[in-house]
Amino acid sequence: MEVKSNMRDNVKKSMMKFLIAAIVILGLCVSTSGVTAAIGPTIELYPEEPTPQSTVLFTVIIPDSETVSNVQLIVKECKEGDICFTDSFNESMTEKDVDTFEVEITLKHDTATYIEYHVGYLNNDVWEESDSEKLDLKIESNNGNSNGGNDDTNGTPGFEFIGVLISAIFILLILNKRKR
């Protein structure tokens, strides 16, 4: 009788270990999986870290652009405090190669600290826009040092936190039941 009781306890312990391991693995899978979306335009800048009042070459790659026309680049120059200048750019882009469009602009404001930009275009007679992107401008001080370029410090956690939180809750529930 005692052997059966020990076997049941061992089986229960093994099942609990397996369940905890499965929950942890599931949580890790959820936290590392990304959200896939339709492939949209890719925007590249040269130089990659522009300075205020510099000339910037914007290159946009739009996959399968046979039905794309009227590609427009929208750029706003802004400064600290999320204050953007009213004279933003809305430039037509020229097709340089298959799926590739370019335009060169010269930034106007010496007090700008970052730029926000996105692309709009006609695709099968439907106007589409990319998500807006923000890029910190490289600010040179009097001695030639810079701020290091793009510092994304919005502090927003990603979706992986949700998976970790769910795993932790399940583990706590299991451990709480084991104590009873």
N, C-alpha and C. Protein backbone atom coordinates (compact mmCIF):
# COMPACT_ATOMS: atom_id res chain seq x y z
N MET A 1 0.82 -1.20 0.00
CA MET A 1 0.00 0.00 0.00
C MET A 1 0.86 1.26 0.00
N GLU A 2 1.93 1.22 0.81
CA GLU A 2 2.81 2.37 0.91
C GLU A 2 3.56 2.60 -0.40
N VAL A 3 3.88 1.54 -1.12
CA VAL A 3 4.58 1.64 -2.40
C VAL A 3 3.68 2.36 -3.42
N LYS A 4 2.38 2.00 -3.44
CA LYS A 4 1.44 2.66 -4.36
C LYS A 4 1.33 4.13 -4.03
N SER A 5 1.32 4.45 -2.75
CA SER A 5 1.23 5.85 -2.34
C SER A 5 2.46 6.62 -2.78
N ASN A 6 3.64 6.03 -2.62
CA ASN A 6 4.88 6.68 -3.07
C ASN A 6 4.91 6.83 -4.59
N MET A 7 4.38 5.82 -5.30
CA MET A 7 4.33 5.89 -6.76
C MET A 7 3.39 7.01 -7.20
N ARG A 8 2.26 7.15 -6.53
CA ARG A 8 1.32 8.23 -6.86
C ARG A 8 1.98 9.59 -6.62
N ASP A 9 2.67 9.71 -5.49
CA ASP A 9 3.35 10.97 -5.20
C ASP A 9 4.40 11.29 -6.26
N ASN A 10 5.17 10.26 -6.65
CA ASN A 10 6.19 10.46 -7.68
C ASN A 10 5.56 10.84 -9.02
N VAL A 11 4.45 10.20 -9.36
CA VAL A 11 3.76 10.51 -10.61
C VAL A 11 3.23 11.95 -10.56
N LYS A 12 2.66 12.34 -9.41
CA LYS A 12 2.15 13.70 -9.26
C LYS A 12 3.28 14.72 -9.39
N LYS A 13 4.41 14.43 -8.76
CA LYS A 13 5.55 15.33 -8.84
C LYS A 13 6.07 15.43 -10.28
N SER A 14 6.13 14.31 -10.95
CA SER A 14 6.59 14.31 -12.34
C SER A 14 5.63 15.10 -13.23
N MET A 15 4.34 14.93 -13.00
CA MET A 15 3.33 15.66 -13.78
C MET A 15 3.45 17.17 -13.53
N MET A 16 3.66 17.54 -12.27
CA MET A 16 3.79 18.96 -11.93
C MET A 16 5.03 19.55 -12.59
N LYS A 17 6.14 18.83 -12.56
CA LYS A 17 7.36 19.30 -13.20
C LYS A 17 7.14 19.46 -14.70
N PHE A 18 6.48 18.47 -15.30
CA PHE A 18 6.19 18.55 -16.73
C PHE A 18 5.29 19.74 -17.04
N LEU A 19 4.26 19.97 -16.23
CA LEU A 19 3.33 21.07 -16.44
C LEU A 19 4.04 22.42 -16.31
N ILE A 20 4.87 22.55 -15.29
CA ILE A 20 5.62 23.79 -15.11
C ILE A 20 6.55 24.03 -16.29
N ALA A 21 7.25 23.00 -16.73
CA ALA A 21 8.16 23.13 -17.87
C ALA A 21 7.38 23.51 -19.13
N ALA A 22 6.22 22.90 -19.34
CA ALA A 22 5.40 23.22 -20.51
C ALA A 22 4.92 24.66 -20.48
N ILE A 23 4.53 25.13 -19.30
CA ILE A 23 4.06 26.51 -19.18
C ILE A 23 5.20 27.49 -19.44
N VAL A 24 6.38 27.19 -18.90
CA VAL A 24 7.53 28.07 -19.12
C VAL A 24 7.88 28.11 -20.61
N ILE A 25 7.90 26.96 -21.25
CA ILE A 25 8.23 26.90 -22.68
C ILE A 25 7.17 27.64 -23.49
N LEU A 26 5.90 27.46 -23.15
CA LEU A 26 4.83 28.17 -23.83
C LEU A 26 4.99 29.68 -23.66
N GLY A 27 5.32 30.11 -22.45
CA GLY A 27 5.53 31.53 -22.20
C GLY A 27 6.68 32.08 -23.01
N LEU A 28 7.76 31.33 -23.13
CA LEU A 28 8.90 31.77 -23.94
C LEU A 28 8.54 31.83 -25.41
N CYS A 29 7.77 30.87 -25.88
CA CYS A 29 7.34 30.90 -27.29
C CYS A 29 6.47 32.11 -27.57
N VAL A 30 5.56 32.41 -26.67
CA VAL A 30 4.68 33.57 -26.86
C VAL A 30 5.51 34.85 -26.83
N SER A 31 6.49 34.91 -25.95
CA SER A 31 7.25 36.15 -25.80
C SER A 31 8.21 36.39 -26.96
N THR A 32 8.62 35.34 -27.68
CA THR A 32 9.57 35.53 -28.76
C THR A 32 8.91 35.57 -30.13
N SER A 33 7.64 35.23 -30.22
CA SER A 33 6.99 35.26 -31.53
C SER A 33 6.63 36.69 -31.88
N GLY A 34 6.84 37.03 -33.13
CA GLY A 34 6.55 38.38 -33.59
C GLY A 34 5.22 38.44 -34.31
N VAL A 35 4.72 39.64 -34.45
CA VAL A 35 3.50 39.85 -35.20
C VAL A 35 3.90 40.14 -36.64
N THR A 36 3.36 39.37 -37.57
CA THR A 36 3.70 39.59 -38.96
C THR A 36 2.67 40.50 -39.59
N ALA A 37 3.12 41.32 -40.49
CA ALA A 37 2.24 42.25 -41.17
C ALA A 37 2.57 42.23 -42.66
N ALA A 38 1.72 42.85 -43.41
CA ALA A 38 1.96 42.96 -44.84
C ALA A 38 3.25 43.75 -45.07
N ILE A 39 3.96 43.38 -46.11
CA ILE A 39 5.22 44.05 -46.41
C ILE A 39 4.91 45.43 -46.98
N GLY A 40 5.40 46.44 -46.33
CA GLY A 40 5.18 47.81 -46.77
C GLY A 40 6.48 48.41 -47.25
N PRO A 41 6.47 49.71 -47.48
CA PRO A 41 7.67 50.37 -47.97
C PRO A 41 8.78 50.41 -46.93
N THR A 42 10.00 50.36 -47.40
CA THR A 42 11.19 50.51 -46.57
C THR A 42 11.82 51.86 -46.90
N ILE A 43 12.11 52.64 -45.86
CA ILE A 43 12.68 53.97 -46.08
C ILE A 43 14.11 53.98 -45.56
N GLU A 44 15.04 54.35 -46.43
CA GLU A 44 16.45 54.46 -46.06
C GLU A 44 16.90 55.90 -46.22
N LEU A 45 17.79 56.35 -45.35
CA LEU A 45 18.30 57.71 -45.39
C LEU A 45 19.81 57.70 -45.58
N TYR A 46 20.31 58.68 -46.33
CA TYR A 46 21.74 58.89 -46.43
C TYR A 46 22.01 60.38 -46.28
N PRO A 47 22.78 60.77 -45.31
CA PRO A 47 23.45 59.97 -44.28
C PRO A 47 22.45 59.39 -43.29
N GLU A 48 22.85 58.30 -42.63
CA GLU A 48 21.97 57.64 -41.68
C GLU A 48 21.71 58.50 -40.45
N GLU A 49 22.64 59.36 -40.08
CA GLU A 49 22.49 60.27 -38.94
C GLU A 49 22.65 61.70 -39.43
N PRO A 50 21.60 62.25 -40.03
CA PRO A 50 21.72 63.62 -40.55
C PRO A 50 21.80 64.65 -39.43
N THR A 51 22.32 65.81 -39.77
CA THR A 51 22.41 66.93 -38.83
C THR A 51 21.39 67.98 -39.25
N PRO A 52 21.06 68.94 -38.37
CA PRO A 52 20.16 70.01 -38.78
C PRO A 52 20.73 70.76 -39.99
N GLN A 53 19.87 71.16 -40.88
CA GLN A 53 20.20 71.90 -42.09
C GLN A 53 21.08 71.11 -43.06
N SER A 54 21.12 69.79 -42.94
CA SER A 54 21.91 68.99 -43.88
C SER A 54 21.02 68.52 -45.03
N THR A 55 21.65 68.06 -46.08
CA THR A 55 20.93 67.49 -47.22
C THR A 55 20.84 65.99 -47.01
N VAL A 56 19.62 65.47 -47.15
CA VAL A 56 19.36 64.06 -46.87
C VAL A 56 18.75 63.41 -48.12
N LEU A 57 19.30 62.26 -48.51
CA LEU A 57 18.75 61.48 -49.61
C LEU A 57 17.84 60.40 -49.03
N PHE A 58 16.57 60.46 -49.38
CA PHE A 58 15.60 59.46 -48.94
C PHE A 58 15.39 58.46 -50.09
N THR A 59 15.58 57.18 -49.79
CA THR A 59 15.34 56.12 -50.76
C THR A 59 14.23 55.23 -50.20
N VAL A 60 13.20 55.04 -51.01
CA VAL A 60 12.05 54.23 -50.59
C VAL A 60 11.96 53.03 -51.51
N ILE A 61 11.87 51.85 -50.88
CA ILE A 61 11.70 50.61 -51.63
C ILE A 61 10.30 50.10 -51.35
N ILE A 62 9.50 50.01 -52.41
CA ILE A 62 8.12 49.52 -52.30
C ILE A 62 8.05 48.21 -53.08
N PRO A 63 7.93 47.07 -52.39
CA PRO A 63 7.87 45.78 -53.09
C PRO A 63 6.66 45.72 -54.04
N ASP A 64 6.86 45.09 -55.16
CA ASP A 64 5.79 44.89 -56.15
C ASP A 64 5.10 46.21 -56.49
N SER A 65 5.88 47.17 -56.94
CA SER A 65 5.36 48.52 -57.16
C SER A 65 4.84 48.74 -58.58
N GLU A 66 4.48 47.69 -59.30
CA GLU A 66 3.97 47.86 -60.66
C GLU A 66 2.72 48.73 -60.69
N THR A 67 1.90 48.66 -59.64
CA THR A 67 0.64 49.42 -59.61
C THR A 67 0.76 50.69 -58.77
N VAL A 68 1.98 51.04 -58.36
CA VAL A 68 2.20 52.21 -57.50
C VAL A 68 2.50 53.43 -58.35
N SER A 69 1.89 54.56 -57.96
CA SER A 69 2.18 55.82 -58.63
C SER A 69 2.10 56.95 -57.61
N ASN A 70 2.58 58.11 -57.98
CA ASN A 70 2.49 59.32 -57.16
C ASN A 70 3.03 59.10 -55.74
N VAL A 71 4.30 58.72 -55.64
CA VAL A 71 4.92 58.48 -54.34
C VAL A 71 5.34 59.82 -53.74
N GLN A 72 4.89 60.09 -52.52
CA GLN A 72 5.15 61.36 -51.84
C GLN A 72 5.88 61.08 -50.52
N LEU A 73 6.91 61.86 -50.24
CA LEU A 73 7.61 61.80 -48.96
C LEU A 73 7.17 62.99 -48.12
N ILE A 74 6.73 62.71 -46.91
CA ILE A 74 6.29 63.76 -45.98
C ILE A 74 7.28 63.79 -44.83
N VAL A 75 7.95 64.95 -44.63
CA VAL A 75 8.96 65.10 -43.58
C VAL A 75 8.62 66.32 -42.74
N LYS A 76 8.63 66.14 -41.41
CA LYS A 76 8.45 67.26 -40.47
C LYS A 76 9.71 67.39 -39.64
N GLU A 77 10.18 68.62 -39.50
CA GLU A 77 11.30 68.89 -38.60
C GLU A 77 10.71 69.33 -37.27
N CYS A 78 11.24 68.77 -36.19
CA CYS A 78 10.70 69.06 -34.86
C CYS A 78 11.83 69.34 -33.88
N LYS A 79 11.46 69.91 -32.74
CA LYS A 79 12.44 70.12 -31.68
C LYS A 79 11.87 69.61 -30.37
N GLU A 80 12.67 69.63 -29.33
CA GLU A 80 12.27 69.08 -28.03
C GLU A 80 10.91 69.61 -27.60
N GLY A 81 10.17 68.77 -26.91
CA GLY A 81 8.84 69.14 -26.47
C GLY A 81 7.78 68.80 -27.51
N ASP A 82 8.15 67.97 -28.49
CA ASP A 82 7.23 67.57 -29.57
C ASP A 82 6.64 68.77 -30.30
N ILE A 83 7.46 69.78 -30.52
CA ILE A 83 7.05 70.97 -31.26
C ILE A 83 7.62 70.85 -32.68
N CYS A 84 6.73 70.77 -33.66
CA CYS A 84 7.16 70.64 -35.05
C CYS A 84 6.96 71.95 -35.79
N PHE A 85 7.88 72.25 -36.68
CA PHE A 85 7.78 73.45 -37.50
C PHE A 85 6.66 73.28 -38.51
N THR A 86 6.00 74.37 -38.87
CA THR A 86 4.84 74.30 -39.75
C THR A 86 5.19 74.10 -41.22
N ASP A 87 6.41 74.42 -41.61
CA ASP A 87 6.78 74.29 -43.01
C ASP A 87 7.39 72.91 -43.30
N SER A 88 6.55 71.90 -43.28
CA SER A 88 7.02 70.53 -43.51
C SER A 88 7.23 70.30 -45.01
N PHE A 89 7.89 69.22 -45.33
CA PHE A 89 8.15 68.84 -46.73
C PHE A 89 7.09 67.86 -47.20
N ASN A 90 6.64 68.02 -48.42
CA ASN A 90 5.76 67.06 -49.08
C ASN A 90 6.29 66.95 -50.51
N GLU A 91 7.25 66.07 -50.69
CA GLU A 91 8.01 66.01 -51.94
C GLU A 91 7.62 64.79 -52.77
N SER A 92 7.47 65.02 -54.08
CA SER A 92 7.25 63.91 -55.02
C SER A 92 8.56 63.16 -55.20
N MET A 93 8.48 61.84 -55.21
CA MET A 93 9.67 61.02 -55.38
C MET A 93 9.73 60.51 -56.81
N THR A 94 10.96 60.38 -57.32
CA THR A 94 11.13 59.88 -58.68
C THR A 94 11.57 58.42 -58.63
N GLU A 95 11.09 57.65 -59.59
CA GLU A 95 11.45 56.23 -59.65
C GLU A 95 12.84 56.11 -60.26
N LYS A 96 13.78 55.56 -59.48
CA LYS A 96 15.16 55.41 -59.93
C LYS A 96 15.45 54.03 -60.48
N ASP A 97 14.72 53.04 -59.97
CA ASP A 97 14.93 51.65 -60.36
C ASP A 97 13.62 50.93 -60.10
N VAL A 98 13.55 49.67 -60.44
CA VAL A 98 12.34 48.89 -60.17
C VAL A 98 12.12 48.87 -58.66
N ASP A 99 10.95 49.26 -58.22
CA ASP A 99 10.54 49.28 -56.81
C ASP A 99 11.30 50.31 -55.96
N THR A 100 12.12 51.17 -56.55
CA THR A 100 12.94 52.11 -55.79
C THR A 100 12.64 53.55 -56.22
N PHE A 101 12.37 54.39 -55.21
CA PHE A 101 12.05 55.79 -55.44
C PHE A 101 12.99 56.64 -54.58
N GLU A 102 13.37 57.84 -55.09
CA GLU A 102 14.32 58.69 -54.36
C GLU A 102 13.91 60.15 -54.42
N VAL A 103 14.32 60.87 -53.39
CA VAL A 103 14.23 62.33 -53.38
C VAL A 103 15.27 62.84 -52.39
N GLU A 104 15.82 64.00 -52.70
CA GLU A 104 16.81 64.62 -51.83
C GLU A 104 16.23 65.93 -51.31
N ILE A 105 16.31 66.11 -50.00
CA ILE A 105 15.82 67.36 -49.41
C ILE A 105 16.89 67.95 -48.51
N THR A 106 16.83 69.26 -48.32
CA THR A 106 17.73 69.95 -47.41
C THR A 106 16.90 70.45 -46.23
N LEU A 107 17.25 69.99 -45.05
CA LEU A 107 16.55 70.40 -43.84
C LEU A 107 16.76 71.90 -43.63
N LYS A 108 15.74 72.58 -43.09
CA LYS A 108 15.76 74.04 -43.02
C LYS A 108 16.14 74.61 -41.66
N HIS A 109 15.84 73.91 -40.57
CA HIS A 109 15.91 74.53 -39.25
C HIS A 109 17.12 74.07 -38.45
N ASP A 110 17.90 75.04 -37.98
CA ASP A 110 19.09 74.71 -37.20
C ASP A 110 18.75 74.31 -35.77
N THR A 111 17.54 74.60 -35.30
CA THR A 111 17.14 74.24 -33.94
C THR A 111 16.37 72.92 -33.88
N ALA A 112 16.17 72.27 -35.03
CA ALA A 112 15.47 70.98 -35.05
C ALA A 112 16.34 69.92 -34.37
N THR A 113 15.70 69.06 -33.57
CA THR A 113 16.43 67.99 -32.89
C THR A 113 16.08 66.61 -33.44
N TYR A 114 14.94 66.51 -34.16
CA TYR A 114 14.59 65.24 -34.79
C TYR A 114 13.66 65.51 -35.97
N ILE A 115 13.52 64.47 -36.81
CA ILE A 115 12.59 64.55 -37.93
C ILE A 115 11.60 63.39 -37.82
N GLU A 116 10.39 63.62 -38.31
CA GLU A 116 9.39 62.57 -38.46
C GLU A 116 9.08 62.48 -39.94
N TYR A 117 9.02 61.27 -40.47
CA TYR A 117 8.80 61.11 -41.91
C TYR A 117 7.99 59.86 -42.20
N HIS A 118 7.26 59.91 -43.30
CA HIS A 118 6.55 58.74 -43.81
C HIS A 118 6.30 58.93 -45.30
N VAL A 119 5.81 57.88 -45.94
CA VAL A 119 5.58 57.87 -47.37
C VAL A 119 4.10 57.62 -47.64
N GLY A 120 3.56 58.35 -48.61
CA GLY A 120 2.22 58.10 -49.11
C GLY A 120 2.29 57.83 -50.60
N TYR A 121 1.41 56.97 -51.11
CA TYR A 121 1.45 56.62 -52.53
C TYR A 121 0.11 56.04 -52.97
N LEU A 122 -0.14 56.14 -54.27
CA LEU A 122 -1.32 55.53 -54.86
C LEU A 122 -0.98 54.10 -55.26
N ASN A 123 -1.80 53.16 -54.83
CA ASN A 123 -1.61 51.76 -55.17
C ASN A 123 -2.96 51.25 -55.67
N ASN A 124 -3.07 50.99 -56.96
CA ASN A 124 -4.35 50.60 -57.57
C ASN A 124 -5.43 51.63 -57.28
N ASP A 125 -5.10 52.89 -57.43
CA ASP A 125 -6.01 54.02 -57.21
C ASP A 125 -6.50 54.13 -55.76
N VAL A 126 -5.78 53.53 -54.82
CA VAL A 126 -6.08 53.64 -53.39
C VAL A 126 -4.88 54.30 -52.71
N TRP A 127 -5.13 55.39 -51.96
CA TRP A 127 -4.04 56.08 -51.28
C TRP A 127 -3.62 55.29 -50.05
N GLU A 128 -2.34 54.98 -49.95
CA GLU A 128 -1.79 54.25 -48.80
C GLU A 128 -0.67 55.07 -48.19
N GLU A 129 -0.49 54.92 -46.88
CA GLU A 129 0.60 55.61 -46.18
C GLU A 129 1.33 54.63 -45.28
N SER A 130 2.64 54.83 -45.17
CA SER A 130 3.44 54.03 -44.24
C SER A 130 3.31 54.62 -42.84
N ASP A 131 3.74 53.86 -41.86
CA ASP A 131 3.78 54.38 -40.50
C ASP A 131 4.83 55.48 -40.41
N SER A 132 4.56 56.45 -39.56
CA SER A 132 5.51 57.55 -39.37
C SER A 132 6.70 57.06 -38.56
N GLU A 133 7.88 57.48 -38.96
CA GLU A 133 9.10 57.13 -38.26
C GLU A 133 9.75 58.39 -37.71
N LYS A 134 10.46 58.23 -36.60
CA LYS A 134 11.13 59.36 -35.95
C LYS A 134 12.62 59.07 -35.92
N LEU A 135 13.41 60.08 -36.24
CA LEU A 135 14.86 59.94 -36.23
C LEU A 135 15.47 61.17 -35.58
N ASP A 136 16.24 60.95 -34.51
CA ASP A 136 16.94 62.06 -33.85
C ASP A 136 18.05 62.55 -34.76
N LEU A 137 18.18 63.85 -34.85
CA LEU A 137 19.25 64.44 -35.63
C LEU A 137 20.53 64.45 -34.82
N LYS A 138 21.63 64.32 -35.50
CA LYS A 138 22.94 64.34 -34.85
C LYS A 138 23.30 65.79 -34.58
N ILE A 139 23.30 66.16 -33.31
CA ILE A 139 23.57 67.53 -32.91
C ILE A 139 25.04 67.66 -32.55
N GLU A 140 25.74 68.53 -33.25
CA GLU A 140 27.15 68.76 -32.97
C GLU A 140 27.28 69.90 -31.98
N SER A 141 28.07 69.69 -30.93
CA SER A 141 28.32 70.76 -29.97
C SER A 141 29.49 71.61 -30.49
N ASN A 142 29.85 72.61 -29.76
CA ASN A 142 30.92 73.52 -30.19
C ASN A 142 32.26 72.81 -30.32
N ASN A 143 32.49 71.74 -29.54
CA ASN A 143 33.78 71.05 -29.59
C ASN A 143 33.76 69.86 -30.54
N GLY A 144 32.67 69.68 -31.32
CA GLY A 144 32.64 68.63 -32.33
C GLY A 144 32.03 67.32 -31.88
N ASN A 145 31.65 67.20 -30.63
CA ASN A 145 31.02 65.97 -30.18
C ASN A 145 29.56 65.95 -30.58
N SER A 146 28.96 64.77 -30.59
CA SER A 146 27.56 64.66 -31.00
C SER A 146 26.77 63.94 -29.93
N ASN A 147 25.45 63.87 -30.13
CA ASN A 147 24.57 63.21 -29.17
C ASN A 147 24.46 61.72 -29.42
N GLY A 148 25.13 61.20 -30.44
CA GLY A 148 25.12 59.76 -30.68
C GLY A 148 24.01 59.31 -31.61
N GLY A 149 23.22 60.18 -32.16
CA GLY A 149 22.23 59.76 -33.15
C GLY A 149 20.90 59.38 -32.56
N ASN A 150 20.33 58.29 -33.06
CA ASN A 150 18.96 57.89 -32.73
C ASN A 150 18.90 57.19 -31.38
N ASP A 151 18.35 57.86 -30.38
CA ASP A 151 18.20 57.28 -29.05
C ASP A 151 16.71 57.08 -28.78
N ASP A 152 16.21 55.85 -28.99
CA ASP A 152 14.79 55.57 -28.77
C ASP A 152 14.60 55.23 -27.31
N THR A 153 14.06 56.16 -26.54
CA THR A 153 13.92 55.96 -25.10
C THR A 153 12.48 56.15 -24.66
N ASN A 154 11.53 55.62 -25.44
CA ASN A 154 10.14 55.81 -25.05
C ASN A 154 9.73 54.88 -23.91
N GLY A 155 10.52 53.87 -23.59
CA GLY A 155 10.27 53.02 -22.43
C GLY A 155 9.04 52.13 -22.55
N THR A 156 8.51 51.92 -23.73
CA THR A 156 7.32 51.10 -23.89
C THR A 156 7.72 49.63 -23.95
N PRO A 157 7.18 48.80 -23.06
CA PRO A 157 7.51 47.38 -23.11
C PRO A 157 6.83 46.72 -24.31
N GLY A 158 7.43 45.64 -24.78
CA GLY A 158 6.84 44.92 -25.90
C GLY A 158 5.82 43.90 -25.44
N PHE A 159 5.30 43.15 -26.40
CA PHE A 159 4.28 42.15 -26.11
C PHE A 159 4.84 40.97 -25.31
N GLU A 160 6.16 40.81 -25.28
CA GLU A 160 6.73 39.67 -24.57
C GLU A 160 6.40 39.71 -23.08
N PHE A 161 6.14 40.89 -22.55
CA PHE A 161 5.80 41.01 -21.14
C PHE A 161 4.52 40.25 -20.81
N ILE A 162 3.57 40.23 -21.73
CA ILE A 162 2.29 39.54 -21.51
C ILE A 162 2.51 38.05 -21.34
N GLY A 163 3.34 37.45 -22.20
CA GLY A 163 3.62 36.02 -22.10
C GLY A 163 4.31 35.66 -20.80
N VAL A 164 5.26 36.47 -20.39
CA VAL A 164 5.97 36.23 -19.13
C VAL A 164 5.01 36.35 -17.95
N LEU A 165 4.14 37.34 -17.98
CA LEU A 165 3.18 37.55 -16.91
C LEU A 165 2.22 36.36 -16.78
N ILE A 166 1.71 35.87 -17.91
CA ILE A 166 0.79 34.72 -17.88
C ILE A 166 1.52 33.49 -17.33
N SER A 167 2.75 33.27 -17.76
CA SER A 167 3.52 32.12 -17.26
C SER A 167 3.74 32.22 -15.76
N ALA A 168 4.07 33.42 -15.27
CA ALA A 168 4.30 33.60 -13.84
C ALA A 168 3.03 33.34 -13.04
N ILE A 169 1.90 33.76 -13.54
CA ILE A 169 0.63 33.54 -12.84
C ILE A 169 0.32 32.04 -12.76
N PHE A 170 0.52 31.32 -13.87
CA PHE A 170 0.28 29.88 -13.85
C PHE A 170 1.21 29.17 -12.87
N ILE A 171 2.45 29.56 -12.86
CA ILE A 171 3.41 28.93 -11.93
C ILE A 171 3.01 29.20 -10.49
N LEU A 172 2.62 30.43 -10.18
CA LEU A 172 2.18 30.75 -8.82
C LEU A 172 0.94 29.96 -8.43
N LEU A 173 0.00 29.79 -9.35
CA LEU A 173 -1.20 29.01 -9.06
C LEU A 173 -0.85 27.54 -8.77
N ILE A 174 0.05 27.00 -9.56
CA ILE A 174 0.45 25.60 -9.37
C ILE A 174 1.18 25.44 -8.03
N LEU A 175 2.10 26.34 -7.75
CA LEU A 175 2.83 26.25 -6.48
C LEU A 175 1.89 26.44 -5.29
N ASN A 176 0.91 27.31 -5.44
CA ASN A 176 -0.06 27.54 -4.37
C ASN A 176 -0.89 26.27 -4.13
N LYS A 177 -1.27 25.55 -5.18
CA LYS A 177 -2.04 24.32 -5.02
C LYS A 177 -1.18 23.22 -4.40
N ARG A 178 0.11 23.22 -4.69
CA ARG A 178 1.00 22.21 -4.12
C ARG A 178 1.13 22.36 -2.63
N LYS A 179 1.08 23.59 -2.14
CA LYS A 179 1.24 23.84 -0.70
C LYS A 179 0.02 23.37 0.08
N ARG A 180 -1.11 23.30 -0.53
CA ARG A 180 -2.35 22.90 0.17
C ARG A 180 -2.47 21.46 0.35
